[in-house]
Amino acid sequence: MEQRDQGSEGTEDRVQVINPWLGLRIGAVDYAVYLVENLANSSTGNLCDGCVEWNESRIFINGNLDKQRRRYVLWHEIIHCITDHAGDLDLTTVEDEVAVTILAHGITQVLKDNPFLAEKDL
């Protein structure tokens, strides 16, 4: 399960932050996305697949994941960002995490099977 980092501790304390893998604009916020080997949750120290550092507008994805899993985890974290921007939709409970996981799998699958949906001229 992906662990959500609330950004209370600097990620620099647990990983070396280098050039971003990519940049994303989600809502009105520009996020830098980083691939990090052996990504660990800052609160528990447990390995995790992805997390968001809210105060720095950074998304971290475990670089040990294969390309397919990375794509899904990125969507998972994007959904957390979207719901966080919506205000009261703080999806952090176990039940909410399941909903985010379902949406991330669905979006990833639909975009992979229907690449024309990502085109600008629909």
N, C-alpha and C. Protein backbone atom coordinates (compact mmCIF):
# COMPACT_ATOMS: atom_id res chain seq x y z
N MET A 1 0.84 -1.17 0.00
CA MET A 1 0.00 0.00 0.00
C MET A 1 0.89 1.24 0.00
N GLU A 2 0.52 2.23 -0.74
CA GLU A 2 1.28 3.46 -0.80
C GLU A 2 1.12 4.19 0.52
N GLN A 3 2.19 4.78 0.97
CA GLN A 3 2.17 5.55 2.20
C GLN A 3 2.17 7.02 1.84
N ARG A 4 1.38 7.81 2.53
CA ARG A 4 1.28 9.23 2.25
C ARG A 4 2.11 10.01 3.25
N ASP A 5 3.04 10.76 2.75
CA ASP A 5 3.91 11.58 3.58
C ASP A 5 3.28 12.96 3.72
N GLN A 6 3.00 13.37 4.93
CA GLN A 6 2.34 14.65 5.15
C GLN A 6 3.28 15.83 4.99
N GLY A 7 4.56 15.57 4.77
CA GLY A 7 5.50 16.66 4.54
C GLY A 7 5.99 17.32 5.81
N SER A 8 5.74 16.70 6.97
CA SER A 8 6.18 17.31 8.21
C SER A 8 7.68 17.18 8.41
N GLU A 9 8.28 16.15 7.81
CA GLU A 9 9.72 15.97 7.88
C GLU A 9 10.28 16.11 6.48
N GLY A 10 11.43 16.75 6.37
CA GLY A 10 12.03 16.92 5.06
C GLY A 10 12.48 15.60 4.47
N THR A 11 12.17 15.39 3.21
CA THR A 11 12.57 14.17 2.54
C THR A 11 14.08 14.12 2.38
N GLU A 12 14.73 15.27 2.39
CA GLU A 12 16.19 15.30 2.26
C GLU A 12 16.85 14.50 3.36
N ASP A 13 16.17 14.37 4.52
CA ASP A 13 16.74 13.63 5.64
C ASP A 13 16.83 12.15 5.35
N ARG A 14 16.06 11.64 4.39
CA ARG A 14 16.03 10.20 4.16
C ARG A 14 16.46 9.80 2.76
N VAL A 15 16.52 10.72 1.82
CA VAL A 15 16.98 10.40 0.47
C VAL A 15 17.78 11.57 -0.08
N GLN A 16 18.59 11.27 -1.05
CA GLN A 16 19.29 12.34 -1.75
C GLN A 16 18.40 12.80 -2.89
N VAL A 17 17.97 14.05 -2.84
CA VAL A 17 17.08 14.60 -3.86
C VAL A 17 17.94 15.13 -5.00
N ILE A 18 17.72 14.58 -6.19
CA ILE A 18 18.46 15.00 -7.37
C ILE A 18 17.49 15.57 -8.39
N ASN A 19 17.89 15.68 -9.62
CA ASN A 19 17.02 16.26 -10.65
C ASN A 19 15.71 15.50 -10.74
N PRO A 20 14.61 16.22 -10.93
CA PRO A 20 13.32 15.55 -11.05
C PRO A 20 13.25 14.63 -12.26
N TRP A 21 12.47 13.57 -12.13
CA TRP A 21 12.18 12.64 -13.22
C TRP A 21 11.26 13.33 -14.21
N LEU A 22 10.28 14.05 -13.70
CA LEU A 22 9.38 14.83 -14.55
C LEU A 22 8.67 15.87 -13.70
N GLY A 23 7.99 16.78 -14.37
CA GLY A 23 7.21 17.80 -13.69
C GLY A 23 5.75 17.68 -14.08
N LEU A 24 4.88 17.95 -13.14
CA LEU A 24 3.44 17.88 -13.39
C LEU A 24 2.75 19.10 -12.80
N ARG A 25 1.76 19.61 -13.49
CA ARG A 25 0.89 20.63 -12.91
C ARG A 25 -0.42 19.93 -12.54
N ILE A 26 -0.75 19.98 -11.27
CA ILE A 26 -1.99 19.38 -10.77
C ILE A 26 -2.76 20.50 -10.10
N GLY A 27 -3.91 20.85 -10.66
CA GLY A 27 -4.62 22.03 -10.18
C GLY A 27 -3.77 23.25 -10.45
N ALA A 28 -3.56 24.06 -9.43
CA ALA A 28 -2.75 25.28 -9.58
C ALA A 28 -1.32 25.09 -9.09
N VAL A 29 -0.94 23.86 -8.78
CA VAL A 29 0.37 23.60 -8.18
C VAL A 29 1.26 22.83 -9.14
N ASP A 30 2.50 23.26 -9.27
CA ASP A 30 3.50 22.53 -10.05
C ASP A 30 4.26 21.60 -9.11
N TYR A 31 4.26 20.33 -9.45
CA TYR A 31 4.95 19.31 -8.65
C TYR A 31 6.17 18.81 -9.41
N ALA A 32 7.25 18.58 -8.68
CA ALA A 32 8.40 17.87 -9.23
C ALA A 32 8.25 16.42 -8.80
N VAL A 33 8.47 15.50 -9.74
CA VAL A 33 8.34 14.07 -9.45
C VAL A 33 9.73 13.45 -9.48
N TYR A 34 10.07 12.73 -8.43
CA TYR A 34 11.38 12.12 -8.29
C TYR A 34 11.27 10.60 -8.20
N LEU A 35 12.19 9.91 -8.84
CA LEU A 35 12.35 8.47 -8.65
C LEU A 35 13.42 8.28 -7.59
N VAL A 36 13.10 7.53 -6.55
CA VAL A 36 14.01 7.35 -5.43
C VAL A 36 14.16 5.86 -5.14
N GLU A 37 15.39 5.37 -5.17
CA GLU A 37 15.64 3.96 -4.85
C GLU A 37 15.30 3.70 -3.38
N ASN A 38 14.63 2.59 -3.12
CA ASN A 38 14.31 2.16 -1.74
C ASN A 38 13.62 3.26 -0.95
N LEU A 39 12.59 3.85 -1.52
CA LEU A 39 11.83 4.93 -0.88
C LEU A 39 11.22 4.44 0.43
N ALA A 40 11.41 5.21 1.50
CA ALA A 40 10.88 4.86 2.81
C ALA A 40 9.98 5.96 3.33
N ASN A 41 8.94 5.55 4.05
CA ASN A 41 8.02 6.48 4.69
C ASN A 41 8.76 7.19 5.83
N SER A 42 8.67 8.51 5.87
CA SER A 42 9.41 9.28 6.87
C SER A 42 8.90 9.03 8.28
N SER A 43 7.64 8.64 8.43
CA SER A 43 7.08 8.42 9.77
C SER A 43 7.42 7.04 10.31
N THR A 44 7.34 6.02 9.45
CA THR A 44 7.50 4.64 9.92
C THR A 44 8.84 4.02 9.55
N GLY A 45 9.48 4.55 8.53
CA GLY A 45 10.72 3.95 8.04
C GLY A 45 10.49 2.77 7.13
N ASN A 46 9.23 2.36 6.95
CA ASN A 46 8.90 1.24 6.08
C ASN A 46 9.03 1.64 4.62
N LEU A 47 9.45 0.68 3.79
CA LEU A 47 9.50 0.95 2.35
C LEU A 47 8.10 1.25 1.84
N CYS A 48 8.01 2.16 0.88
CA CYS A 48 6.72 2.48 0.30
C CYS A 48 6.88 2.69 -1.20
N ASP A 49 5.77 2.66 -1.91
CA ASP A 49 5.81 2.82 -3.37
C ASP A 49 5.81 4.27 -3.79
N GLY A 50 5.16 5.14 -3.02
CA GLY A 50 5.09 6.54 -3.39
C GLY A 50 4.61 7.40 -2.24
N CYS A 51 4.90 8.68 -2.32
CA CYS A 51 4.42 9.62 -1.30
C CYS A 51 4.47 11.03 -1.86
N VAL A 52 3.76 11.92 -1.20
CA VAL A 52 3.74 13.33 -1.58
C VAL A 52 4.32 14.14 -0.43
N GLU A 53 5.22 15.03 -0.75
CA GLU A 53 5.73 15.98 0.23
C GLU A 53 5.00 17.29 -0.05
N TRP A 54 3.97 17.54 0.73
CA TRP A 54 3.03 18.62 0.44
C TRP A 54 3.67 19.99 0.53
N ASN A 55 4.47 20.25 1.54
CA ASN A 55 5.04 21.58 1.74
C ASN A 55 6.01 21.98 0.64
N GLU A 56 6.61 21.02 -0.02
CA GLU A 56 7.59 21.29 -1.08
C GLU A 56 7.04 21.00 -2.47
N SER A 57 5.79 20.55 -2.57
CA SER A 57 5.16 20.21 -3.85
C SER A 57 6.01 19.21 -4.63
N ARG A 58 6.34 18.11 -3.93
CA ARG A 58 7.13 17.06 -4.56
C ARG A 58 6.45 15.71 -4.39
N ILE A 59 6.53 14.92 -5.45
CA ILE A 59 6.02 13.55 -5.44
C ILE A 59 7.22 12.63 -5.57
N PHE A 60 7.27 11.60 -4.74
CA PHE A 60 8.34 10.64 -4.79
C PHE A 60 7.78 9.27 -5.16
N ILE A 61 8.43 8.62 -6.11
CA ILE A 61 8.03 7.29 -6.57
C ILE A 61 9.23 6.37 -6.36
N ASN A 62 8.97 5.18 -5.84
CA ASN A 62 10.04 4.21 -5.61
C ASN A 62 10.65 3.80 -6.94
N GLY A 63 11.93 4.09 -7.12
CA GLY A 63 12.62 3.80 -8.38
C GLY A 63 12.86 2.32 -8.61
N ASN A 64 12.62 1.49 -7.60
CA ASN A 64 12.80 0.05 -7.76
C ASN A 64 11.61 -0.61 -8.46
N LEU A 65 10.55 0.12 -8.67
CA LEU A 65 9.34 -0.44 -9.28
C LEU A 65 9.52 -0.57 -10.78
N ASP A 66 8.85 -1.57 -11.37
CA ASP A 66 8.89 -1.67 -12.83
C ASP A 66 8.04 -0.56 -13.43
N LYS A 67 8.19 -0.34 -14.73
CA LYS A 67 7.55 0.79 -15.41
C LYS A 67 6.03 0.78 -15.24
N GLN A 68 5.42 -0.38 -15.35
CA GLN A 68 3.97 -0.50 -15.22
C GLN A 68 3.50 -0.10 -13.82
N ARG A 69 4.19 -0.59 -12.80
CA ARG A 69 3.82 -0.26 -11.42
C ARG A 69 4.09 1.21 -11.13
N ARG A 70 5.19 1.76 -11.67
CA ARG A 70 5.47 3.19 -11.49
C ARG A 70 4.33 4.04 -12.02
N ARG A 71 3.82 3.68 -13.20
CA ARG A 71 2.72 4.44 -13.81
C ARG A 71 1.50 4.44 -12.89
N TYR A 72 1.18 3.26 -12.36
CA TYR A 72 0.03 3.17 -11.44
C TYR A 72 0.28 4.01 -10.18
N VAL A 73 1.46 3.89 -9.57
CA VAL A 73 1.75 4.61 -8.33
C VAL A 73 1.72 6.12 -8.57
N LEU A 74 2.21 6.55 -9.73
CA LEU A 74 2.14 7.97 -10.05
C LEU A 74 0.69 8.44 -10.09
N TRP A 75 -0.19 7.69 -10.73
CA TRP A 75 -1.61 8.05 -10.75
C TRP A 75 -2.20 8.03 -9.34
N HIS A 76 -1.79 7.09 -8.53
CA HIS A 76 -2.26 7.02 -7.15
C HIS A 76 -1.93 8.32 -6.42
N GLU A 77 -0.70 8.78 -6.56
CA GLU A 77 -0.28 10.01 -5.88
C GLU A 77 -0.96 11.23 -6.51
N ILE A 78 -1.17 11.23 -7.82
CA ILE A 78 -1.89 12.33 -8.48
C ILE A 78 -3.30 12.44 -7.91
N ILE A 79 -3.98 11.31 -7.72
CA ILE A 79 -5.34 11.35 -7.15
C ILE A 79 -5.31 11.93 -5.74
N HIS A 80 -4.31 11.57 -4.94
CA HIS A 80 -4.19 12.20 -3.62
C HIS A 80 -4.03 13.71 -3.75
N CYS A 81 -3.24 14.17 -4.71
CA CYS A 81 -3.06 15.61 -4.91
C CYS A 81 -4.37 16.28 -5.32
N ILE A 82 -5.09 15.67 -6.25
CA ILE A 82 -6.36 16.23 -6.70
C ILE A 82 -7.34 16.35 -5.54
N THR A 83 -7.46 15.29 -4.74
CA THR A 83 -8.42 15.34 -3.63
C THR A 83 -7.96 16.29 -2.54
N ASP A 84 -6.66 16.42 -2.35
CA ASP A 84 -6.16 17.38 -1.37
C ASP A 84 -6.50 18.80 -1.80
N HIS A 85 -6.38 19.10 -3.09
CA HIS A 85 -6.71 20.44 -3.60
C HIS A 85 -8.20 20.73 -3.48
N ALA A 86 -9.02 19.68 -3.45
CA ALA A 86 -10.47 19.86 -3.38
C ALA A 86 -10.91 20.34 -2.00
N GLY A 87 -10.04 20.28 -1.03
CA GLY A 87 -10.38 20.79 0.29
C GLY A 87 -10.64 19.69 1.30
N ASP A 88 -11.92 19.40 1.53
CA ASP A 88 -12.30 18.46 2.58
C ASP A 88 -12.10 17.00 2.20
N LEU A 89 -11.68 16.71 1.00
CA LEU A 89 -11.51 15.33 0.58
C LEU A 89 -10.11 14.82 0.94
N ASP A 90 -9.84 14.71 2.22
CA ASP A 90 -8.54 14.24 2.69
C ASP A 90 -8.60 12.72 2.79
N LEU A 91 -8.20 12.05 1.71
CA LEU A 91 -8.33 10.60 1.64
C LEU A 91 -7.15 9.90 2.30
N THR A 92 -7.20 9.77 3.61
CA THR A 92 -6.08 9.17 4.33
C THR A 92 -6.46 7.96 5.17
N THR A 93 -7.75 7.66 5.34
CA THR A 93 -8.12 6.48 6.10
C THR A 93 -7.90 5.24 5.24
N VAL A 94 -7.94 4.09 5.88
CA VAL A 94 -7.74 2.83 5.13
C VAL A 94 -8.81 2.69 4.06
N GLU A 95 -10.06 3.00 4.39
CA GLU A 95 -11.13 2.89 3.40
C GLU A 95 -10.92 3.86 2.23
N ASP A 96 -10.49 5.06 2.56
CA ASP A 96 -10.23 6.05 1.51
C ASP A 96 -9.06 5.63 0.64
N GLU A 97 -8.05 5.04 1.25
CA GLU A 97 -6.88 4.57 0.50
C GLU A 97 -7.30 3.50 -0.51
N VAL A 98 -8.27 2.67 -0.14
CA VAL A 98 -8.79 1.66 -1.07
C VAL A 98 -9.46 2.35 -2.25
N ALA A 99 -10.23 3.40 -1.99
CA ALA A 99 -10.89 4.13 -3.08
C ALA A 99 -9.86 4.75 -4.02
N VAL A 100 -8.80 5.35 -3.48
CA VAL A 100 -7.75 5.94 -4.31
C VAL A 100 -7.08 4.85 -5.14
N THR A 101 -6.82 3.71 -4.54
CA THR A 101 -6.20 2.59 -5.25
C THR A 101 -7.07 2.12 -6.41
N ILE A 102 -8.35 1.99 -6.19
CA ILE A 102 -9.29 1.57 -7.24
C ILE A 102 -9.28 2.58 -8.39
N LEU A 103 -9.36 3.86 -8.07
CA LEU A 103 -9.34 4.89 -9.11
C LEU A 103 -8.02 4.88 -9.88
N ALA A 104 -6.91 4.75 -9.18
CA ALA A 104 -5.60 4.76 -9.84
C ALA A 104 -5.47 3.58 -10.80
N HIS A 105 -5.89 2.40 -10.36
CA HIS A 105 -5.84 1.23 -11.25
C HIS A 105 -6.73 1.45 -12.47
N GLY A 106 -7.93 1.97 -12.25
CA GLY A 106 -8.87 2.19 -13.35
C GLY A 106 -8.35 3.20 -14.36
N ILE A 107 -7.86 4.33 -13.89
CA ILE A 107 -7.34 5.36 -14.78
C ILE A 107 -6.14 4.85 -15.56
N THR A 108 -5.22 4.18 -14.87
CA THR A 108 -4.03 3.64 -15.53
C THR A 108 -4.42 2.67 -16.63
N GLN A 109 -5.35 1.79 -16.35
CA GLN A 109 -5.78 0.78 -17.32
C GLN A 109 -6.46 1.42 -18.52
N VAL A 110 -7.37 2.35 -18.28
CA VAL A 110 -8.09 2.99 -19.38
C VAL A 110 -7.13 3.76 -20.28
N LEU A 111 -6.20 4.51 -19.71
CA LEU A 111 -5.25 5.27 -20.52
C LEU A 111 -4.28 4.36 -21.28
N LYS A 112 -3.89 3.26 -20.66
CA LYS A 112 -2.98 2.32 -21.33
C LYS A 112 -3.68 1.64 -22.50
N ASP A 113 -4.93 1.24 -22.31
CA ASP A 113 -5.68 0.53 -23.35
C ASP A 113 -6.25 1.46 -24.41
N ASN A 114 -6.33 2.74 -24.12
CA ASN A 114 -6.92 3.72 -25.04
C ASN A 114 -6.03 4.95 -25.11
N PRO A 115 -4.84 4.83 -25.69
CA PRO A 115 -3.89 5.96 -25.68
C PRO A 115 -4.42 7.21 -26.36
N PHE A 116 -5.38 7.06 -27.26
CA PHE A 116 -5.93 8.23 -27.94
C PHE A 116 -6.58 9.19 -26.96
N LEU A 117 -6.96 8.71 -25.76
CA LEU A 117 -7.58 9.59 -24.76
C LEU A 117 -6.62 10.65 -24.23
N ALA A 118 -5.33 10.41 -24.37
CA ALA A 118 -4.32 11.38 -23.92
C ALA A 118 -4.00 12.41 -24.99
N GLU A 119 -4.55 12.25 -26.17
CA GLU A 119 -4.29 13.21 -27.25
C GLU A 119 -5.07 14.49 -26.99
N LYS A 120 -4.51 15.59 -27.46
CA LYS A 120 -5.15 16.89 -27.24
C LYS A 120 -6.31 17.15 -28.19
N ASP A 121 -6.29 16.54 -29.35
CA ASP A 121 -7.32 16.80 -30.36
C ASP A 121 -8.41 15.75 -30.35
N LEU A 122 -9.15 15.64 -29.30
CA LEU A 122 -10.27 14.69 -29.25
C LEU A 122 -11.53 15.32 -29.76
